[in-house]
Amino acid sequence: MFLSPGTRFSDEPKKDAISGMTANAGKKQSETEKQLRKKVSVLKKDLNRKEKALAETAALLVLKKKAQAIWGEPEEDRYPLKTNNRFCN
């Protein structure tokens, strides 16, 4: 089963092997892209939630400062509690 020196091999098996490798690479790449898109989506949702929490905190701080400007400091902040405990003085 020796081939003579002039025998040429068909390119079909080579083409099939290359197309099979690229098809598998495409599947792996699309799966990786899908995972990355999902991760980006999760991160965007997390960032959006944190931005909303930060905005709410900033709004509460502004309201607190406005209330202090109108009514002054609350009494419990002006007069600290006096205790008879000898360890606290």
N, C-alpha and C. Protein backbone atom coordinates (compact mmCIF):
# COMPACT_ATOMS: atom_id res chain seq x y z
N MET A 1 0.84 -1.18 0.00
CA MET A 1 0.00 0.00 0.00
C MET A 1 0.88 1.24 0.00
N PHE A 2 1.86 1.23 -0.81
CA PHE A 2 2.73 2.39 -0.96
C PHE A 2 2.21 3.24 -2.10
N LEU A 3 2.36 4.55 -1.95
CA LEU A 3 1.91 5.46 -2.99
C LEU A 3 3.09 5.81 -3.89
N SER A 4 2.80 5.95 -5.14
CA SER A 4 3.85 6.34 -6.06
C SER A 4 4.18 7.82 -5.86
N PRO A 5 5.36 8.26 -6.21
CA PRO A 5 5.76 9.65 -5.98
C PRO A 5 4.85 10.67 -6.66
N GLY A 6 4.17 10.36 -7.66
CA GLY A 6 3.33 11.32 -8.36
C GLY A 6 1.91 11.42 -7.82
N THR A 7 1.56 10.64 -6.80
CA THR A 7 0.20 10.62 -6.28
C THR A 7 -0.04 11.88 -5.44
N ARG A 8 -1.17 12.49 -5.68
CA ARG A 8 -1.54 13.69 -4.92
C ARG A 8 -2.72 13.35 -4.02
N PHE A 9 -2.71 13.98 -2.85
CA PHE A 9 -3.82 13.78 -1.91
C PHE A 9 -4.89 14.82 -2.17
N SER A 10 -6.09 14.46 -1.86
CA SER A 10 -7.21 15.38 -2.03
C SER A 10 -7.18 16.42 -0.91
N ASP A 11 -7.60 17.61 -1.20
CA ASP A 11 -7.67 18.68 -0.20
C ASP A 11 -8.95 18.61 0.63
N GLU A 12 -9.85 17.74 0.27
CA GLU A 12 -11.14 17.66 0.97
C GLU A 12 -10.99 17.33 2.46
N PRO A 13 -10.22 16.33 2.85
CA PRO A 13 -10.09 16.04 4.29
C PRO A 13 -9.50 17.21 5.06
N LYS A 14 -8.55 17.89 4.44
CA LYS A 14 -7.94 19.05 5.09
C LYS A 14 -8.97 20.16 5.30
N LYS A 15 -9.76 20.41 4.27
CA LYS A 15 -10.80 21.45 4.36
C LYS A 15 -11.84 21.08 5.42
N ASP A 16 -12.22 19.79 5.45
CA ASP A 16 -13.19 19.35 6.45
C ASP A 16 -12.64 19.53 7.87
N ALA A 17 -11.37 19.19 8.06
CA ALA A 17 -10.76 19.33 9.39
C ALA A 17 -10.71 20.80 9.82
N ILE A 18 -10.33 21.67 8.89
CA ILE A 18 -10.25 23.11 9.21
C ILE A 18 -11.63 23.66 9.50
N SER A 19 -12.62 23.30 8.70
CA SER A 19 -13.97 23.81 8.93
C SER A 19 -14.54 23.29 10.25
N GLY A 20 -14.17 22.06 10.61
CA GLY A 20 -14.63 21.52 11.90
C GLY A 20 -14.01 22.26 13.07
N MET A 21 -12.76 22.64 12.95
CA MET A 21 -12.10 23.38 14.03
C MET A 21 -12.67 24.79 14.16
N THR A 22 -12.94 25.41 13.03
CA THR A 22 -13.48 26.78 13.11
C THR A 22 -14.91 26.76 13.62
N ALA A 23 -15.66 25.72 13.33
CA ALA A 23 -17.03 25.63 13.84
C ALA A 23 -17.01 25.50 15.35
N ASN A 24 -16.11 24.67 15.89
CA ASN A 24 -16.01 24.52 17.34
C ASN A 24 -15.52 25.80 17.98
N ALA A 25 -14.58 26.47 17.34
CA ALA A 25 -14.07 27.74 17.88
C ALA A 25 -15.18 28.78 17.89
N GLY A 26 -16.03 28.77 16.87
CA GLY A 26 -17.15 29.71 16.82
C GLY A 26 -18.14 29.45 17.95
N LYS A 27 -18.39 28.18 18.25
CA LYS A 27 -19.31 27.85 19.34
C LYS A 27 -18.74 28.31 20.68
N LYS A 28 -17.44 28.05 20.87
CA LYS A 28 -16.81 28.45 22.12
C LYS A 28 -16.81 29.97 22.26
N GLN A 29 -16.54 30.65 21.14
CA GLN A 29 -16.51 32.10 21.18
C GLN A 29 -17.90 32.67 21.46
N SER A 30 -18.93 32.11 20.82
CA SER A 30 -20.28 32.62 21.05
C SER A 30 -20.73 32.34 22.48
N GLU A 31 -20.31 31.21 23.03
CA GLU A 31 -20.65 30.90 24.41
C GLU A 31 -19.94 31.85 25.37
N THR A 32 -18.69 32.15 25.07
CA THR A 32 -17.94 33.10 25.90
C THR A 32 -18.56 34.49 25.80
N GLU A 33 -18.94 34.88 24.60
CA GLU A 33 -19.59 36.19 24.42
C GLU A 33 -20.90 36.25 25.19
N LYS A 34 -21.64 35.15 25.19
CA LYS A 34 -22.92 35.10 25.91
C LYS A 34 -22.69 35.27 27.41
N GLN A 35 -21.65 34.60 27.93
CA GLN A 35 -21.34 34.73 29.36
C GLN A 35 -20.90 36.15 29.69
N LEU A 36 -20.10 36.76 28.80
CA LEU A 36 -19.66 38.12 29.04
C LEU A 36 -20.81 39.11 29.00
N ARG A 37 -21.73 38.91 28.05
CA ARG A 37 -22.90 39.80 27.97
C ARG A 37 -23.73 39.70 29.25
N LYS A 38 -23.89 38.47 29.76
CA LYS A 38 -24.66 38.28 31.00
C LYS A 38 -23.97 38.96 32.16
N LYS A 39 -22.64 38.84 32.24
CA LYS A 39 -21.89 39.47 33.31
C LYS A 39 -22.00 40.99 33.23
N VAL A 40 -21.92 41.54 32.03
CA VAL A 40 -22.07 42.98 31.84
C VAL A 40 -23.45 43.43 32.28
N SER A 41 -24.46 42.65 31.94
CA SER A 41 -25.82 42.98 32.33
C SER A 41 -25.97 43.01 33.85
N VAL A 42 -25.41 42.01 34.52
CA VAL A 42 -25.47 41.95 35.98
C VAL A 42 -24.74 43.15 36.60
N LEU A 43 -23.59 43.48 36.05
CA LEU A 43 -22.82 44.62 36.58
C LEU A 43 -23.54 45.94 36.35
N LYS A 44 -24.21 46.08 35.20
CA LYS A 44 -24.98 47.30 34.94
C LYS A 44 -26.14 47.44 35.93
N LYS A 45 -26.82 46.34 36.21
CA LYS A 45 -27.92 46.38 37.17
C LYS A 45 -27.42 46.75 38.55
N ASP A 46 -26.28 46.19 38.94
CA ASP A 46 -25.70 46.49 40.25
C ASP A 46 -25.29 47.96 40.33
N LEU A 47 -24.67 48.47 39.27
CA LEU A 47 -24.28 49.87 39.25
C LEU A 47 -25.50 50.78 39.32
N ASN A 48 -26.55 50.44 38.60
CA ASN A 48 -27.78 51.23 38.62
C ASN A 48 -28.38 51.27 40.02
N ARG A 49 -28.39 50.12 40.69
CA ARG A 49 -28.93 50.05 42.06
C ARG A 49 -28.11 50.92 43.01
N LYS A 50 -26.80 50.87 42.88
CA LYS A 50 -25.93 51.66 43.75
C LYS A 50 -26.05 53.15 43.47
N GLU A 51 -26.22 53.52 42.20
CA GLU A 51 -26.42 54.94 41.88
C GLU A 51 -27.72 55.46 42.48
N LYS A 52 -28.77 54.67 42.45
CA LYS A 52 -30.04 55.07 43.05
C LYS A 52 -29.89 55.24 44.56
N ALA A 53 -29.19 54.32 45.21
CA ALA A 53 -28.98 54.41 46.65
C ALA A 53 -28.17 55.65 47.00
N LEU A 54 -27.17 55.96 46.21
CA LEU A 54 -26.35 57.15 46.44
C LEU A 54 -27.18 58.42 46.26
N ALA A 55 -28.02 58.46 45.24
CA ALA A 55 -28.88 59.62 45.01
C ALA A 55 -29.86 59.80 46.17
N GLU A 56 -30.41 58.70 46.67
CA GLU A 56 -31.33 58.79 47.80
C GLU A 56 -30.62 59.32 49.05
N THR A 57 -29.42 58.83 49.29
CA THR A 57 -28.65 59.29 50.45
C THR A 57 -28.32 60.77 50.34
N ALA A 58 -27.95 61.21 49.16
CA ALA A 58 -27.64 62.62 48.95
C ALA A 58 -28.88 63.49 49.17
N ALA A 59 -30.03 63.03 48.69
CA ALA A 59 -31.27 63.78 48.88
C ALA A 59 -31.63 63.87 50.36
N LEU A 60 -31.46 62.79 51.11
CA LEU A 60 -31.75 62.82 52.54
C LEU A 60 -30.80 63.76 53.27
N LEU A 61 -29.56 63.80 52.88
CA LEU A 61 -28.59 64.71 53.50
C LEU A 61 -28.96 66.16 53.24
N VAL A 62 -29.38 66.47 52.02
CA VAL A 62 -29.81 67.83 51.68
C VAL A 62 -31.04 68.21 52.51
N LEU A 63 -32.00 67.29 52.62
CA LEU A 63 -33.20 67.57 53.42
C LEU A 63 -32.85 67.78 54.89
N LYS A 64 -31.92 67.01 55.41
CA LYS A 64 -31.51 67.16 56.80
C LYS A 64 -30.88 68.52 57.03
N LYS A 65 -30.03 68.96 56.11
CA LYS A 65 -29.39 70.27 56.25
C LYS A 65 -30.42 71.40 56.15
N LYS A 66 -31.39 71.25 55.27
CA LYS A 66 -32.44 72.27 55.15
C LYS A 66 -33.28 72.33 56.43
N ALA A 67 -33.61 71.16 56.98
CA ALA A 67 -34.39 71.13 58.21
C ALA A 67 -33.61 71.76 59.36
N GLN A 68 -32.31 71.52 59.44
CA GLN A 68 -31.49 72.13 60.48
C GLN A 68 -31.41 73.64 60.29
N ALA A 69 -31.38 74.10 59.04
CA ALA A 69 -31.34 75.54 58.78
C ALA A 69 -32.64 76.21 59.21
N ILE A 70 -33.76 75.52 59.03
CA ILE A 70 -35.07 76.09 59.37
C ILE A 70 -35.32 76.02 60.88
N TRP A 71 -35.16 74.84 61.46
CA TRP A 71 -35.54 74.63 62.86
C TRP A 71 -34.37 74.57 63.83
N GLY A 72 -33.16 74.58 63.33
CA GLY A 72 -32.00 74.48 64.21
C GLY A 72 -31.70 73.03 64.52
N GLU A 73 -30.71 72.84 65.38
CA GLU A 73 -30.31 71.49 65.75
C GLU A 73 -31.35 70.86 66.67
N PRO A 74 -31.54 69.57 66.58
CA PRO A 74 -32.44 68.91 67.52
C PRO A 74 -31.90 69.01 68.95
N GLU A 75 -32.80 69.02 69.92
CA GLU A 75 -32.39 69.22 71.31
C GLU A 75 -31.46 68.13 71.81
N GLU A 76 -31.67 66.89 71.38
CA GLU A 76 -30.81 65.82 71.89
C GLU A 76 -29.36 65.99 71.43
N ASP A 77 -29.13 66.73 70.36
CA ASP A 77 -27.77 66.99 69.92
C ASP A 77 -27.13 68.13 70.71
N ARG A 78 -27.96 69.08 71.18
CA ARG A 78 -27.44 70.23 71.91
C ARG A 78 -27.09 69.89 73.35
N TYR A 79 -27.89 69.05 73.96
CA TYR A 79 -27.70 68.72 75.37
C TYR A 79 -27.42 67.24 75.51
N PRO A 80 -26.16 66.89 75.65
CA PRO A 80 -25.86 65.46 75.80
C PRO A 80 -26.45 64.91 77.10
N LEU A 81 -26.72 63.65 77.09
CA LEU A 81 -27.29 63.01 78.28
C LEU A 81 -26.29 63.05 79.42
N LYS A 82 -26.79 63.40 80.59
CA LYS A 82 -25.94 63.36 81.78
C LYS A 82 -26.25 62.08 82.51
N THR A 83 -25.19 61.40 82.84
CA THR A 83 -25.38 60.14 83.57
C THR A 83 -24.70 60.24 84.91
N ASN A 84 -25.18 59.46 85.84
CA ASN A 84 -24.59 59.39 87.16
C ASN A 84 -23.54 58.29 87.23
N ASN A 85 -23.28 57.69 86.11
CA ASN A 85 -22.32 56.60 86.06
C ASN A 85 -20.92 57.18 86.13
N ARG A 86 -20.12 56.76 87.08
CA ARG A 86 -18.80 57.34 87.25
C ARG A 86 -17.83 56.92 86.15
N PHE A 87 -18.17 55.89 85.38
CA PHE A 87 -17.28 55.45 84.29
C PHE A 87 -17.48 56.27 83.02
N CYS A 88 -18.58 56.97 82.86
CA CYS A 88 -18.86 57.71 81.65
C CYS A 88 -18.36 59.16 81.73
N ASN A 89 -18.09 59.69 82.91
CA ASN A 89 -17.69 61.08 83.03
C ASN A 89 -16.23 61.30 82.78
